[in-house]
Amino acid sequence: MNRAMSRRTFLTAATLLAGSLGGLTSVFSQVNPARPIRVIVGTPAGGAVDPYARLIAEHMARSLGRVIIVENKPGAGMNIAAEFVVNAPADGNLILIGTQALTEINPSARSDPKWSLDDVIPLIRGVTAPLVLVTHPSVPARTLAELVAWIKQNPGKLGYSSYESGTPSHFLGFQLNERFGLDLVHVPTRGSGPQATDLMAGHVLFGFAQLQSTLVHIKAGKLNAIAVTSGERSRFLADVPTFAELGRPEFTANVWFGLMVRSGTPPGQADSLLNAAKAAHADPDVRAKLEAQGFDISGQSGPEFVHDIKAQIVRWARLVKAAGFKAD
């Protein structure tokens, strides 16, 4: 072998080695346990989603032996958080907290969506809960029929509260207005916590609210529960009827929170995250804490989870269209 040939062979080998090491470096950067995993929450701290995310993240951190940080990126109906995740590398280091509103209502509510369900992998539906139609104690009604009659006695004077525009709370309120021929104004707030505060203060006198944000206030007599949106009575409010019991099954709906990652995440990493999430939701201590907040544990995952989301997109699209709502 002459000297020139030897030099060319060395340079070729060095180039191939550098390429291989670069590939290994890229893979290592994705799975390096020294890098924190970030759980992205699209609502402000202090609402119903936040404590769920932190409980699950804490358990998953122990299972995976990784640092997991919960970050709140509120705004635009949780779309700021979703866009942040789908525009980041699909390396398994970002987990999006998905919700019913984000995945099922969002596709119909935005005229120019920046992401779609195809951009994420729904890992697990973690918890579910009904909404509850609540009233301020000053409202002279204790049943749905009495509430409707009272509203009709005050046409054009009342509004219904929601914890945010573009959520089930918003559209169930719209449906109440539509079904009973009422004359109500929609009064959105900036999260389930602020909504509960406004309702207790009497700024708005009734609305569909998160069970997690209002249960303690209902028990304390600061809010009255009229009906729940679950298919069966909630064990947390056993004396409160469902809408289905009252002959209004069209109001049946459960909100949910769960975990998602960006599409393209390597299957091994997605499976690892899913297994850790399943372990977190199955842990007795975690379950007890979530149930104490008014959640029911679901744990649904896989194709069935995705199928259910797509079916509900169709259901909510009608209400979004009827309301003439656009999140933009």
C-alpha atoms as a PDB file:
ATOM      1  CA  MET A   1       0.000   0.000   0.000  1.00  0.00           C
ATOM      2  CA  ASN A   2       1.498   3.355  -1.011  1.00  0.00           C
ATOM      3  CA  ARG A   3       1.582   6.362   1.235  1.00  0.00           C
ATOM      4  CA  ALA A   4      -1.220   8.271  -0.541  1.00  0.00           C
ATOM      5  CA  MET A   5      -3.498   5.223  -0.471  1.00  0.00           C
ATOM      6  CA  SER A   6      -2.797   4.727   3.220  1.00  0.00           C
ATOM      7  CA  ARG A   7      -3.700   8.344   3.995  1.00  0.00           C
ATOM      8  CA  ARG A   8      -6.967   8.123   2.024  1.00  0.00           C
ATOM      9  CA  THR A   9      -7.893   4.893   3.812  1.00  0.00           C
ATOM     10  CA  PHE A  10      -7.214   6.477   7.199  1.00  0.00           C
ATOM     11  CA  LEU A  11      -9.309   9.567   6.399  1.00  0.00           C
ATOM     12  CA  THR A  12     -12.215   7.432   5.149  1.00  0.00           C
ATOM     13  CA  ALA A  13     -12.135   5.296   8.272  1.00  0.00           C
ATOM     14  CA  ALA A  14     -11.930   8.374  10.486  1.00  0.00           C
ATOM     15  CA  THR A  15     -14.919   9.913   8.717  1.00  0.00           C
ATOM     16  CA  LEU A  16     -16.988   6.737   9.152  1.00  0.00           C
ATOM     17  CA  LEU A  17     -15.988   6.510  12.803  1.00  0.00           C
ATOM     18  CA  ALA A  18     -16.931  10.134  13.410  1.00  0.00           C
ATOM     19  CA  GLY A  19     -20.306   9.524  11.778  1.00  0.00           C
ATOM     20  CA  SER A  20     -20.908   6.492  13.957  1.00  0.00           C
ATOM     21  CA  LEU A  21     -19.916   8.349  17.101  1.00  0.00           C
ATOM     22  CA  GLY A  22     -22.148  11.245  16.083  1.00  0.00           C
ATOM     23  CA  GLY A  23     -25.080   8.857  15.759  1.00  0.00           C
ATOM     24  CA  LEU A  24     -24.300   7.347  19.135  1.00  0.00           C
ATOM     25  CA  THR A  25     -24.068  10.822  20.628  1.00  0.00           C
ATOM     26  CA  SER A  26     -27.482  11.662  19.195  1.00  0.00           C
ATOM     27  CA  VAL A  27     -29.011   8.508  20.647  1.00  0.00           C
ATOM     28  CA  PHE A  28     -27.305   9.085  24.002  1.00  0.00           C
ATOM     29  CA  SER A  29     -28.616  12.645  24.137  1.00  0.00           C
ATOM     30  CA  GLN A  30     -32.137  11.235  23.834  1.00  0.00           C
ATOM     31  CA  VAL A  31     -31.895   8.561  26.509  1.00  0.00           C
ATOM     32  CA  ASN A  32     -29.321  10.178  28.785  1.00  0.00           C
ATOM     33  CA  PRO A  33     -30.815   9.778  32.270  1.00  0.00           C
ATOM     34  CA  ALA A  34     -29.053  12.946  33.374  1.00  0.00           C
ATOM     35  CA  ARG A  35     -31.477  14.980  31.248  1.00  0.00           C
ATOM     36  CA  PRO A  36     -34.742  15.836  33.018  1.00  0.00           C
ATOM     37  CA  ILE A  37     -38.080  14.835  31.584  1.00  0.00           C
ATOM     38  CA  ARG A  38     -40.494  17.767  31.450  1.00  0.00           C
ATOM     39  CA  VAL A  39     -44.232  17.386  31.947  1.00  0.00           C
ATOM     40  CA  ILE A  40     -45.987  20.255  30.188  1.00  0.00           C
ATOM     41  CA  VAL A  41     -49.298  21.454  31.661  1.00  0.00           C
ATOM     42  CA  GLY A  42     -51.403  23.837  29.587  1.00  0.00           C
ATOM     43  CA  THR A  43     -53.227  25.420  32.530  1.00  0.00           C
ATOM     44  CA  PRO A  44     -52.123  27.716  35.364  1.00  0.00           C
ATOM     45  CA  ALA A  45     -50.791  26.252  38.591  1.00  0.00           C
ATOM     46  CA  GLY A  46     -53.465  25.658  41.195  1.00  0.00           C
ATOM     47  CA  GLY A  47     -56.218  24.320  38.934  1.00  0.00           C
ATOM     48  CA  ALA A  48     -57.522  20.761  38.732  1.00  0.00           C
ATOM     49  CA  VAL A  49     -54.923  19.592  36.183  1.00  0.00           C
ATOM     50  CA  ASP A  50     -51.858  20.719  38.102  1.00  0.00           C
ATOM     51  CA  PRO A  51     -52.058  18.438  41.183  1.00  0.00           C
ATOM     52  CA  TYR A  52     -52.791  15.455  38.933  1.00  0.00           C
ATOM     53  CA  ALA A  53     -49.685  16.144  36.853  1.00  0.00           C
ATOM     54  CA  ARG A  54     -47.463  16.551  39.902  1.00  0.00           C
ATOM     55  CA  LEU A  55     -48.657  13.360  41.612  1.00  0.00           C
ATOM     56  CA  ILE A  56     -48.102  11.262  38.493  1.00  0.00           C
ATOM     57  CA  ALA A  57     -44.771  12.912  37.685  1.00  0.00           C
ATOM     58  CA  GLU A  58     -43.428  12.261  41.193  1.00  0.00           C
ATOM     59  CA  HIS A  59     -44.193   8.536  40.976  1.00  0.00           C
ATOM     60  CA  MET A  60     -42.886   8.223  37.411  1.00  0.00           C
ATOM     61  CA  ALA A  61     -39.627   9.889  38.443  1.00  0.00           C
ATOM     62  CA  ARG A  62     -39.073   7.164  41.016  1.00  0.00           C
ATOM     63  CA  SER A  63     -39.963   4.377  38.567  1.00  0.00           C
ATOM     64  CA  LEU A  64     -37.727   5.685  35.805  1.00  0.00           C
ATOM     65  CA  GLY A  65     -34.875   6.902  37.991  1.00  0.00           C
ATOM     66  CA  ARG A  66     -35.118  10.245  36.206  1.00  0.00           C
ATOM     67  CA  VAL A  67     -35.628  13.830  37.262  1.00  0.00           C
ATOM     68  CA  ILE A  68     -39.085  14.974  36.112  1.00  0.00           C
ATOM     69  CA  ILE A  69     -40.032  18.652  36.136  1.00  0.00           C
ATOM     70  CA  VAL A  70     -43.606  19.919  35.810  1.00  0.00           C
ATOM     71  CA  GLU A  71     -43.880  23.125  33.778  1.00  0.00           C
ATOM     72  CA  ASN A  72     -47.026  25.218  33.380  1.00  0.00           C
ATOM     73  CA  LYS A  73     -47.434  26.805  29.956  1.00  0.00           C
ATOM     74  CA  PRO A  74     -50.981  28.205  30.069  1.00  0.00           C
ATOM     75  CA  GLY A  75     -52.764  30.047  27.331  1.00  0.00           C
ATOM     76  CA  ALA A  76     -54.776  29.681  24.112  1.00  0.00           C
ATOM     77  CA  GLY A  77     -56.947  26.913  25.515  1.00  0.00           C
ATOM     78  CA  MET A  78     -53.885  24.787  26.329  1.00  0.00           C
ATOM     79  CA  ASN A  79     -52.683  25.040  22.739  1.00  0.00           C
ATOM     80  CA  ILE A  80     -49.506  26.879  23.714  1.00  0.00           C
ATOM     81  CA  ALA A  81     -48.456  23.789  25.654  1.00  0.00           C
ATOM     82  CA  ALA A  82     -49.466  21.420  22.849  1.00  0.00           C
ATOM     83  CA  GLU A  83     -47.621  23.416  20.187  1.00  0.00           C
ATOM     84  CA  PHE A  84     -44.533  23.544  22.401  1.00  0.00           C
ATOM     85  CA  VAL A  85     -44.486  19.744  22.615  1.00  0.00           C
ATOM     86  CA  VAL A  86     -45.229  18.953  18.959  1.00  0.00           C
ATOM     87  CA  ASN A  87     -42.581  21.428  17.781  1.00  0.00           C
ATOM     88  CA  ALA A  88     -39.888  19.927  20.016  1.00  0.00           C
ATOM     89  CA  PRO A  89     -37.713  16.903  19.154  1.00  0.00           C
ATOM     90  CA  ALA A  90     -39.499  13.554  19.419  1.00  0.00           C
ATOM     91  CA  ASP A  91     -36.991  12.308  21.977  1.00  0.00           C
ATOM     92  CA  GLY A  92     -39.274  11.220  24.817  1.00  0.00           C
ATOM     93  CA  ASN A  93     -38.130  14.006  27.123  1.00  0.00           C
ATOM     94  CA  LEU A  94     -41.401  15.969  26.917  1.00  0.00           C
ATOM     95  CA  ILE A  95     -44.762  14.697  28.143  1.00  0.00           C
ATOM     96  CA  LEU A  96     -47.941  16.650  27.413  1.00  0.00           C
ATOM     97  CA  ILE A  97     -50.837  16.512  29.829  1.00  0.00           C
ATOM     98  CA  GLY A  98     -53.783  15.928  27.511  1.00  0.00           C
ATOM     99  CA  THR A  99     -57.374  16.745  28.418  1.00  0.00           C
ATOM    100  CA  GLN A 100     -60.799  16.281  26.916  1.00  0.00           C
ATOM    101  CA  ALA A 101     -60.983  19.937  25.904  1.00  0.00           C
ATOM    102  CA  LEU A 102     -57.579  19.920  24.247  1.00  0.00           C
ATOM    103  CA  THR A 103     -58.048  16.755  22.199  1.00  0.00           C
ATOM    104  CA  GLU A 104     -61.799  16.459  21.608  1.00  0.00           C
ATOM    105  CA  ILE A 105     -63.041  20.063  21.401  1.00  0.00           C
ATOM    106  CA  ASN A 106     -59.945  21.838  20.101  1.00  0.00           C
ATOM    107  CA  PRO A 107     -60.125  20.355  16.548  1.00  0.00           C
ATOM    108  CA  SER A 108     -63.506  22.019  15.959  1.00  0.00           C
ATOM    109  CA  ALA A 109     -62.855  25.209  17.896  1.00  0.00           C
ATOM    110  CA  ARG A 110     -59.841  26.526  15.998  1.00  0.00           C
ATOM    111  CA  SER A 111     -60.058  27.647  12.365  1.00  0.00           C
ATOM    112  CA  ASP A 112     -56.311  27.282  11.818  1.00  0.00           C
ATOM    113  CA  PRO A 113     -55.023  24.608  14.222  1.00  0.00           C
ATOM    114  CA  LYS A 114     -51.257  24.360  14.519  1.00  0.00           C
ATOM    115  CA  TRP A 115     -51.343  20.695  15.493  1.00  0.00           C
ATOM    116  CA  SER A 116     -53.619  17.655  15.292  1.00  0.00           C
ATOM    117  CA  LEU A 117     -54.167  14.335  17.032  1.00  0.00           C
ATOM    118  CA  ASP A 118     -51.797  12.777  14.481  1.00  0.00           C
ATOM    119  CA  ASP A 119     -48.973  14.836  15.984  1.00  0.00           C
ATOM    120  CA  VAL A 120     -49.186  13.087  19.362  1.00  0.00           C
ATOM    121  CA  ILE A 121     -49.278   9.581  20.794  1.00  0.00           C
ATOM    122  CA  PRO A 122     -51.998   9.334  23.464  1.00  0.00           C
ATOM    123  CA  LEU A 123     -50.325   7.162  26.105  1.00  0.00           C
ATOM    124  CA  ILE A 124     -52.923   6.869  28.848  1.00  0.00           C
ATOM    125  CA  ARG A 125     -56.224   8.310  29.974  1.00  0.00           C
ATOM    126  CA  GLY A 126     -55.320   8.711  33.605  1.00  0.00           C
ATOM    127  CA  VAL A 127     -58.361   9.979  35.450  1.00  0.00           C
ATOM    128  CA  THR A 128     -61.946  10.926  34.686  1.00  0.00           C
ATOM    129  CA  ALA A 129     -64.550  12.989  36.496  1.00  0.00           C
ATOM    130  CA  PRO A 130     -67.960  14.478  35.807  1.00  0.00           C
ATOM    131  CA  LEU A 131     -68.721  18.143  35.849  1.00  0.00           C
ATOM    132  CA  VAL A 132     -71.289  19.379  38.325  1.00  0.00           C
ATOM    133  CA  LEU A 133     -73.873  22.101  37.757  1.00  0.00           C
ATOM    134  CA  VAL A 134     -73.566  24.304  40.830  1.00  0.00           C
ATOM    135  CA  THR A 135     -75.322  27.421  42.062  1.00  0.00           C
ATOM    136  CA  HIS A 136     -74.566  30.163  44.553  1.00  0.00           C
ATOM    137  CA  PRO A 137     -76.555  29.671  47.796  1.00  0.00           C
ATOM    138  CA  SER A 138     -78.548  32.815  47.040  1.00  0.00           C
ATOM    139  CA  VAL A 139     -80.171  31.132  44.045  1.00  0.00           C
ATOM    140  CA  PRO A 140     -83.681  30.044  45.136  1.00  0.00           C
ATOM    141  CA  ALA A 141     -83.484  26.662  43.396  1.00  0.00           C
ATOM    142  CA  ARG A 142     -82.440  23.210  44.562  1.00  0.00           C
ATOM    143  CA  THR A 143     -83.417  21.156  41.520  1.00  0.00           C
ATOM    144  CA  LEU A 144     -82.858  21.455  37.775  1.00  0.00           C
ATOM    145  CA  ALA A 145     -86.537  22.195  37.174  1.00  0.00           C
ATOM    146  CA  GLU A 146     -86.509  24.942  39.801  1.00  0.00           C
ATOM    147  CA  LEU A 147     -83.310  26.427  38.375  1.00  0.00           C
ATOM    148  CA  VAL A 148     -84.713  26.559  34.839  1.00  0.00           C
ATOM    149  CA  ALA A 149     -87.946  28.137  36.101  1.00  0.00           C
ATOM    150  CA  TRP A 150     -86.012  30.785  38.068  1.00  0.00           C
ATOM    151  CA  ILE A 151     -83.807  31.637  35.082  1.00  0.00           C
ATOM    152  CA  LYS A 152     -86.899  32.072  32.896  1.00  0.00           C
ATOM    153  CA  GLN A 153     -88.267  34.527  35.449  1.00  0.00           C
ATOM    154  CA  ASN A 154     -85.160  36.683  34.907  1.00  0.00           C
ATOM    155  CA  PRO A 155     -84.695  36.848  31.117  1.00  0.00           C
ATOM    156  CA  GLY A 156     -81.622  38.679  29.900  1.00  0.00           C
ATOM    157  CA  LYS A 157     -80.317  39.271  33.429  1.00  0.00           C
ATOM    158  CA  LEU A 158     -78.175  36.184  34.042  1.00  0.00           C
ATOM    159  CA  GLY A 159     -75.035  34.514  32.822  1.00  0.00           C
ATOM    160  CA  TYR A 160     -73.558  31.054  33.176  1.00  0.00           C
ATOM    161  CA  SER A 161     -70.002  30.519  34.348  1.00  0.00           C
ATOM    162  CA  SER A 162     -67.367  28.321  32.686  1.00  0.00           C
ATOM    163  CA  TYR A 163     -63.804  27.666  33.754  1.00  0.00           C
ATOM    164  CA  GLU A 164     -62.602  28.669  30.280  1.00  0.00           C
ATOM    165  CA  SER A 165     -63.946  29.262  26.790  1.00  0.00           C
ATOM    166  CA  GLY A 166     -63.765  26.222  24.540  1.00  0.00           C
ATOM    167  CA  THR A 167     -64.122  23.658  27.350  1.00  0.00           C
ATOM    168  CA  PRO A 168     -66.892  21.189  28.238  1.00  0.00           C
ATOM    169  CA  SER A 169     -67.934  23.666  30.938  1.00  0.00           C
ATOM    170  CA  HIS A 170     -68.558  26.266  28.227  1.00  0.00           C
ATOM    171  CA  PHE A 171     -70.465  24.026  25.826  1.00  0.00           C
ATOM    172  CA  LEU A 172     -72.576  22.256  28.437  1.00  0.00           C
ATOM    173  CA  GLY A 173     -73.652  25.727  29.568  1.00  0.00           C
ATOM    174  CA  PHE A 174     -74.462  26.603  25.969  1.00  0.00           C
ATOM    175  CA  GLN A 175     -76.433  23.373  25.694  1.00  0.00           C
ATOM    176  CA  LEU A 176     -78.399  24.290  28.848  1.00  0.00           C
ATOM    177  CA  ASN A 177     -79.243  27.617  27.249  1.00  0.00           C
ATOM    178  CA  GLU A 178     -80.207  25.952  23.961  1.00  0.00           C
ATOM    179  CA  ARG A 179     -82.241  23.022  25.311  1.00  0.00           C
ATOM    180  CA  PHE A 180     -84.371  25.066  27.702  1.00  0.00           C
ATOM    181  CA  GLY A 181     -84.734  28.204  25.570  1.00  0.00           C
ATOM    182  CA  LEU A 182     -82.994  30.446  28.108  1.00  0.00           C
ATOM    183  CA  ASP A 183     -81.447  33.875  27.595  1.00  0.00           C
ATOM    184  CA  LEU A 184     -78.036  33.493  29.200  1.00  0.00           C
ATOM    185  CA  VAL A 185     -74.673  35.170  28.635  1.00  0.00           C
ATOM    186  CA  HIS A 186     -71.493  33.092  28.772  1.00  0.00           C
ATOM    187  CA  VAL A 187     -69.073  34.323  31.454  1.00  0.00           C
ATOM    188  CA  PRO A 188     -65.706  32.517  31.145  1.00  0.00           C
ATOM    189  CA  THR A 189     -62.979  32.608  33.777  1.00  0.00           C
ATOM    190  CA  ARG A 190     -59.301  31.667  33.650  1.00  0.00           C
ATOM    191  CA  GLY A 191     -59.270  28.218  35.195  1.00  0.00           C
ATOM    192  CA  SER A 192     -61.275  25.954  37.469  1.00  0.00           C
ATOM    193  CA  GLY A 193     -59.898  27.523  40.644  1.00  0.00           C
ATOM    194  CA  PRO A 194     -60.855  31.097  39.688  1.00  0.00           C
ATOM    195  CA  GLN A 195     -64.254  29.835  38.520  1.00  0.00           C
ATOM    196  CA  ALA A 196     -64.991  28.337  41.941  1.00  0.00           C
ATOM    197  CA  THR A 197     -63.916  31.598  43.593  1.00  0.00           C
ATOM    198  CA  ASP A 198     -66.197  33.655  41.327  1.00  0.00           C
ATOM    199  CA  LEU A 199     -69.139  31.336  41.944  1.00  0.00           C
ATOM    200  CA  MET A 200     -68.718  31.473  45.720  1.00  0.00           C
ATOM    201  CA  ALA A 201     -68.418  35.256  45.583  1.00  0.00           C
ATOM    202  CA  GLY A 202     -71.643  35.475  43.601  1.00  0.00           C
ATOM    203  CA  HIS A 203     -70.048  37.232  40.616  1.00  0.00           C
ATOM    204  CA  VAL A 204     -71.782  34.593  38.472  1.00  0.00           C
ATOM    205  CA  LEU A 205     -74.557  32.583  40.084  1.00  0.00           C
ATOM    206  CA  PHE A 206     -74.307  29.167  38.404  1.00  0.00           C
ATOM    207  CA  GLY A 207     -72.327  27.085  35.956  1.00  0.00           C
ATOM    208  CA  PHE A 208     -70.820  23.720  35.119  1.00  0.00           C
ATOM    209  CA  ALA A 209     -67.704  23.305  37.241  1.00  0.00           C
ATOM    210  CA  GLN A 210     -64.932  20.819  37.929  1.00  0.00           C
ATOM    211  CA  LEU A 211     -65.785  18.465  40.760  1.00  0.00           C
ATOM    212  CA  GLN A 212     -62.193  18.742  42.020  1.00  0.00           C
ATOM    213  CA  SER A 213     -62.449  22.516  42.414  1.00  0.00           C
ATOM    214  CA  THR A 214     -65.897  22.628  44.011  1.00  0.00           C
ATOM    215  CA  LEU A 215     -66.376  19.445  46.049  1.00  0.00           C
ATOM    216  CA  VAL A 216     -65.029  20.900  49.304  1.00  0.00           C
ATOM    217  CA  HIS A 217     -67.171  24.030  48.833  1.00  0.00           C
ATOM    218  CA  ILE A 218     -70.291  21.956  48.127  1.00  0.00           C
ATOM    219  CA  LYS A 219     -69.655  19.959  51.307  1.00  0.00           C
ATOM    220  CA  ALA A 220     -69.227  23.228  53.221  1.00  0.00           C
ATOM    221  CA  GLY A 221     -72.503  24.655  51.898  1.00  0.00           C
ATOM    222  CA  LYS A 222     -70.797  27.443  49.972  1.00  0.00           C
ATOM    223  CA  LEU A 223     -72.156  26.079  46.680  1.00  0.00           C
ATOM    224  CA  ASN A 224     -75.213  23.963  45.891  1.00  0.00           C
ATOM    225  CA  ALA A 225     -74.973  20.977  43.538  1.00  0.00           C
ATOM    226  CA  ILE A 226     -77.906  20.592  41.135  1.00  0.00           C
ATOM    227  CA  ALA A 227     -76.828  17.623  38.959  1.00  0.00           C
ATOM    228  CA  VAL A 228     -73.725  15.788  37.758  1.00  0.00           C
ATOM    229  CA  THR A 229     -72.828  14.922  34.176  1.00  0.00           C
ATOM    230  CA  SER A 230     -71.643  11.341  34.790  1.00  0.00           C
ATOM    231  CA  GLY A 231     -73.584   8.315  33.578  1.00  0.00           C
ATOM    232  CA  GLU A 232     -74.032   7.166  37.168  1.00  0.00           C
ATOM    233  CA  ARG A 233     -74.146   9.103  40.420  1.00  0.00           C
ATOM    234  CA  SER A 234     -70.767  10.178  41.686  1.00  0.00           C
ATOM    235  CA  ARG A 235     -69.718   8.389  44.861  1.00  0.00           C
ATOM    236  CA  PHE A 236     -68.472  11.781  46.041  1.00  0.00           C
ATOM    237  CA  LEU A 237     -71.961  13.324  45.709  1.00  0.00           C
ATOM    238  CA  ALA A 238     -74.231  10.336  46.194  1.00  0.00           C
ATOM    239  CA  ASP A 239     -77.287  12.506  46.917  1.00  0.00           C
ATOM    240  CA  VAL A 240     -76.946  14.520  43.698  1.00  0.00           C
ATOM    241  CA  PRO A 241     -78.802  13.168  40.632  1.00  0.00           C
ATOM    242  CA  THR A 242     -77.341  12.709  37.182  1.00  0.00           C
ATOM    243  CA  PHE A 243     -78.761  14.579  34.205  1.00  0.00           C
ATOM    244  CA  ALA A 244     -79.717  11.211  32.733  1.00  0.00           C
ATOM    245  CA  GLU A 245     -81.870  10.505  35.797  1.00  0.00           C
ATOM    246  CA  LEU A 246     -83.591  13.822  35.180  1.00  0.00           C
ATOM    247  CA  GLY A 247     -84.408  12.833  31.596  1.00  0.00           C
ATOM    248  CA  ARG A 248     -81.527  14.783  30.034  1.00  0.00           C
ATOM    249  CA  PRO A 249     -78.939  12.166  28.955  1.00  0.00           C
ATOM    250  CA  GLU A 250     -77.527  14.560  26.335  1.00  0.00           C
ATOM    251  CA  PHE A 251     -75.689  16.324  29.176  1.00  0.00           C
ATOM    252  CA  THR A 252     -73.726  13.168  30.036  1.00  0.00           C
ATOM    253  CA  ALA A 253     -69.980  13.854  29.789  1.00  0.00           C
ATOM    254  CA  ASN A 254     -66.829  13.109  31.734  1.00  0.00           C
ATOM    255  CA  VAL A 255     -63.714  15.229  31.600  1.00  0.00           C
ATOM    256  CA  TRP A 256     -60.377  13.445  31.685  1.00  0.00           C
ATOM    257  CA  PHE A 257     -56.666  14.083  32.087  1.00  0.00           C
ATOM    258  CA  GLY A 258     -53.944  11.898  30.632  1.00  0.00           C
ATOM    259  CA  LEU A 259     -50.444  11.707  29.184  1.00  0.00           C
ATOM    260  CA  MET A 260     -49.252  12.149  25.599  1.00  0.00           C
ATOM    261  CA  VAL A 261     -45.938  12.370  23.774  1.00  0.00           C
ATOM    262  CA  ARG A 262     -45.007  13.647  20.364  1.00  0.00           C
ATOM    263  CA  SER A 263     -45.525  11.315  17.400  1.00  0.00           C
ATOM    264  CA  GLY A 264     -42.229   9.828  16.250  1.00  0.00           C
ATOM    265  CA  THR A 265     -41.022   9.160  19.781  1.00  0.00           C
ATOM    266  CA  PRO A 266     -39.008   5.920  19.605  1.00  0.00           C
ATOM    267  CA  PRO A 267     -41.284   2.995  20.557  1.00  0.00           C
ATOM    268  CA  GLY A 268     -38.946   1.833  23.314  1.00  0.00           C
ATOM    269  CA  GLN A 269     -39.067   5.218  25.006  1.00  0.00           C
ATOM    270  CA  ALA A 270     -42.824   5.585  24.575  1.00  0.00           C
ATOM    271  CA  ASP A 271     -43.315   2.118  26.085  1.00  0.00           C
ATOM    272  CA  SER A 272     -41.043   2.978  28.988  1.00  0.00           C
ATOM    273  CA  LEU A 273     -43.045   6.125  29.741  1.00  0.00           C
ATOM    274  CA  LEU A 274     -46.340   4.253  29.380  1.00  0.00           C
ATOM    275  CA  ASN A 275     -45.245   1.506  31.771  1.00  0.00           C
ATOM    276  CA  ALA A 276     -44.161   4.099  34.334  1.00  0.00           C
ATOM    277  CA  ALA A 277     -47.474   5.939  33.914  1.00  0.00           C
ATOM    278  CA  LYS A 278     -49.447   2.714  34.381  1.00  0.00           C
ATOM    279  CA  ALA A 279     -47.495   1.979  37.554  1.00  0.00           C
ATOM    280  CA  ALA A 280     -48.209   5.474  38.867  1.00  0.00           C
ATOM    281  CA  HIS A 281     -51.968   5.198  38.287  1.00  0.00           C
ATOM    282  CA  ALA A 282     -52.038   1.716  39.843  1.00  0.00           C
ATOM    283  CA  ASP A 283     -50.147   2.713  42.988  1.00  0.00           C
ATOM    284  CA  PRO A 284     -52.545   2.583  45.986  1.00  0.00           C
ATOM    285  CA  ASP A 285     -51.188   5.765  47.550  1.00  0.00           C
ATOM    286  CA  VAL A 286     -51.463   7.736  44.295  1.00  0.00           C
ATOM    287  CA  ARG A 287     -54.952   6.373  43.656  1.00  0.00           C
ATOM    288  CA  ALA A 288     -56.083   7.330  47.154  1.00  0.00           C
ATOM    289  CA  LYS A 289     -54.819  10.892  46.718  1.00  0.00           C
ATOM    290  CA  LEU A 290     -56.462  11.270  43.302  1.00  0.00           C
ATOM    291  CA  GLU A 291     -59.741   9.802  44.519  1.00  0.00           C
ATOM    292  CA  ALA A 292     -59.692  12.174  47.493  1.00  0.00           C
ATOM    293  CA  GLN A 293     -59.740  15.006  44.931  1.00  0.00           C
ATOM    294  CA  GLY A 294     -62.834  13.576  43.238  1.00  0.00           C
ATOM    295  CA  PHE A 295     -61.187  11.651  40.396  1.00  0.00           C
ATOM    296  CA  ASP A 296     -61.951   8.153  39.156  1.00  0.00           C
ATOM    297  CA  ILE A 297     -58.955   6.194  37.855  1.00  0.00           C
ATOM    298  CA  SER A 298     -59.216   5.097  34.234  1.00  0.00           C
ATOM    299  CA  GLY A 299     -55.863   3.802  32.993  1.00  0.00           C
ATOM    300  CA  GLN A 300     -57.207   3.282  29.462  1.00  0.00           C
ATOM    301  CA  SER A 301     -54.460   3.131  26.826  1.00  0.00           C
ATOM    302  CA  GLY A 302     -53.723   1.899  23.319  1.00  0.00           C
ATOM    303  CA  PRO A 303     -56.015   1.928  20.245  1.00  0.00           C
ATOM    304  CA  GLU A 304     -59.190   1.974  22.370  1.00  0.00           C
ATOM    305  CA  PHE A 305     -58.104   5.279  23.924  1.00  0.00           C
ATOM    306  CA  VAL A 306     -57.454   6.838  20.503  1.00  0.00           C
ATOM    307  CA  HIS A 307     -60.757   5.507  19.128  1.00  0.00           C
ATOM    308  CA  ASP A 308     -62.714   7.063  21.996  1.00  0.00           C
ATOM    309  CA  ILE A 309     -61.078  10.457  21.457  1.00  0.00           C
ATOM    310  CA  LYS A 310     -62.004  10.401  17.758  1.00  0.00           C
ATOM    311  CA  ALA A 311     -65.607   9.444  18.552  1.00  0.00           C
ATOM    312  CA  GLN A 312     -65.939  12.329  21.017  1.00  0.00           C
ATOM    313  CA  ILE A 313     -64.498  14.804  18.503  1.00  0.00           C
ATOM    314  CA  VAL A 314     -67.637  14.181  16.429  1.00  0.00           C
ATOM    315  CA  ARG A 315     -69.916  14.662  19.457  1.00  0.00           C
ATOM    316  CA  TRP A 316     -68.428  18.014  20.505  1.00  0.00           C
ATOM    317  CA  ALA A 317     -68.175  19.329  16.931  1.00  0.00           C
ATOM    318  CA  ARG A 318     -71.955  19.778  16.805  1.00  0.00           C
ATOM    319  CA  LEU A 319     -72.015  21.905  19.944  1.00  0.00           C
ATOM    320  CA  VAL A 320     -69.031  23.977  18.841  1.00  0.00           C
ATOM    321  CA  LYS A 321     -70.720  24.672  15.511  1.00  0.00           C
ATOM    322  CA  ALA A 322     -74.088  25.435  17.108  1.00  0.00           C
ATOM    323  CA  ALA A 323     -72.442  27.876  19.504  1.00  0.00           C
ATOM    324  CA  GLY A 324     -70.646  29.605  16.630  1.00  0.00           C
ATOM    325  CA  PHE A 325     -67.479  29.436  18.724  1.00  0.00           C
ATOM    326  CA  LYS A 326     -63.973  29.934  17.346  1.00  0.00           C
ATOM    327  CA  ALA A 327     -61.031  29.994  19.714  1.00  0.00           C
ATOM    328  CA  ASP A 328     -59.078  32.328  17.419  1.00  0.00           C
END
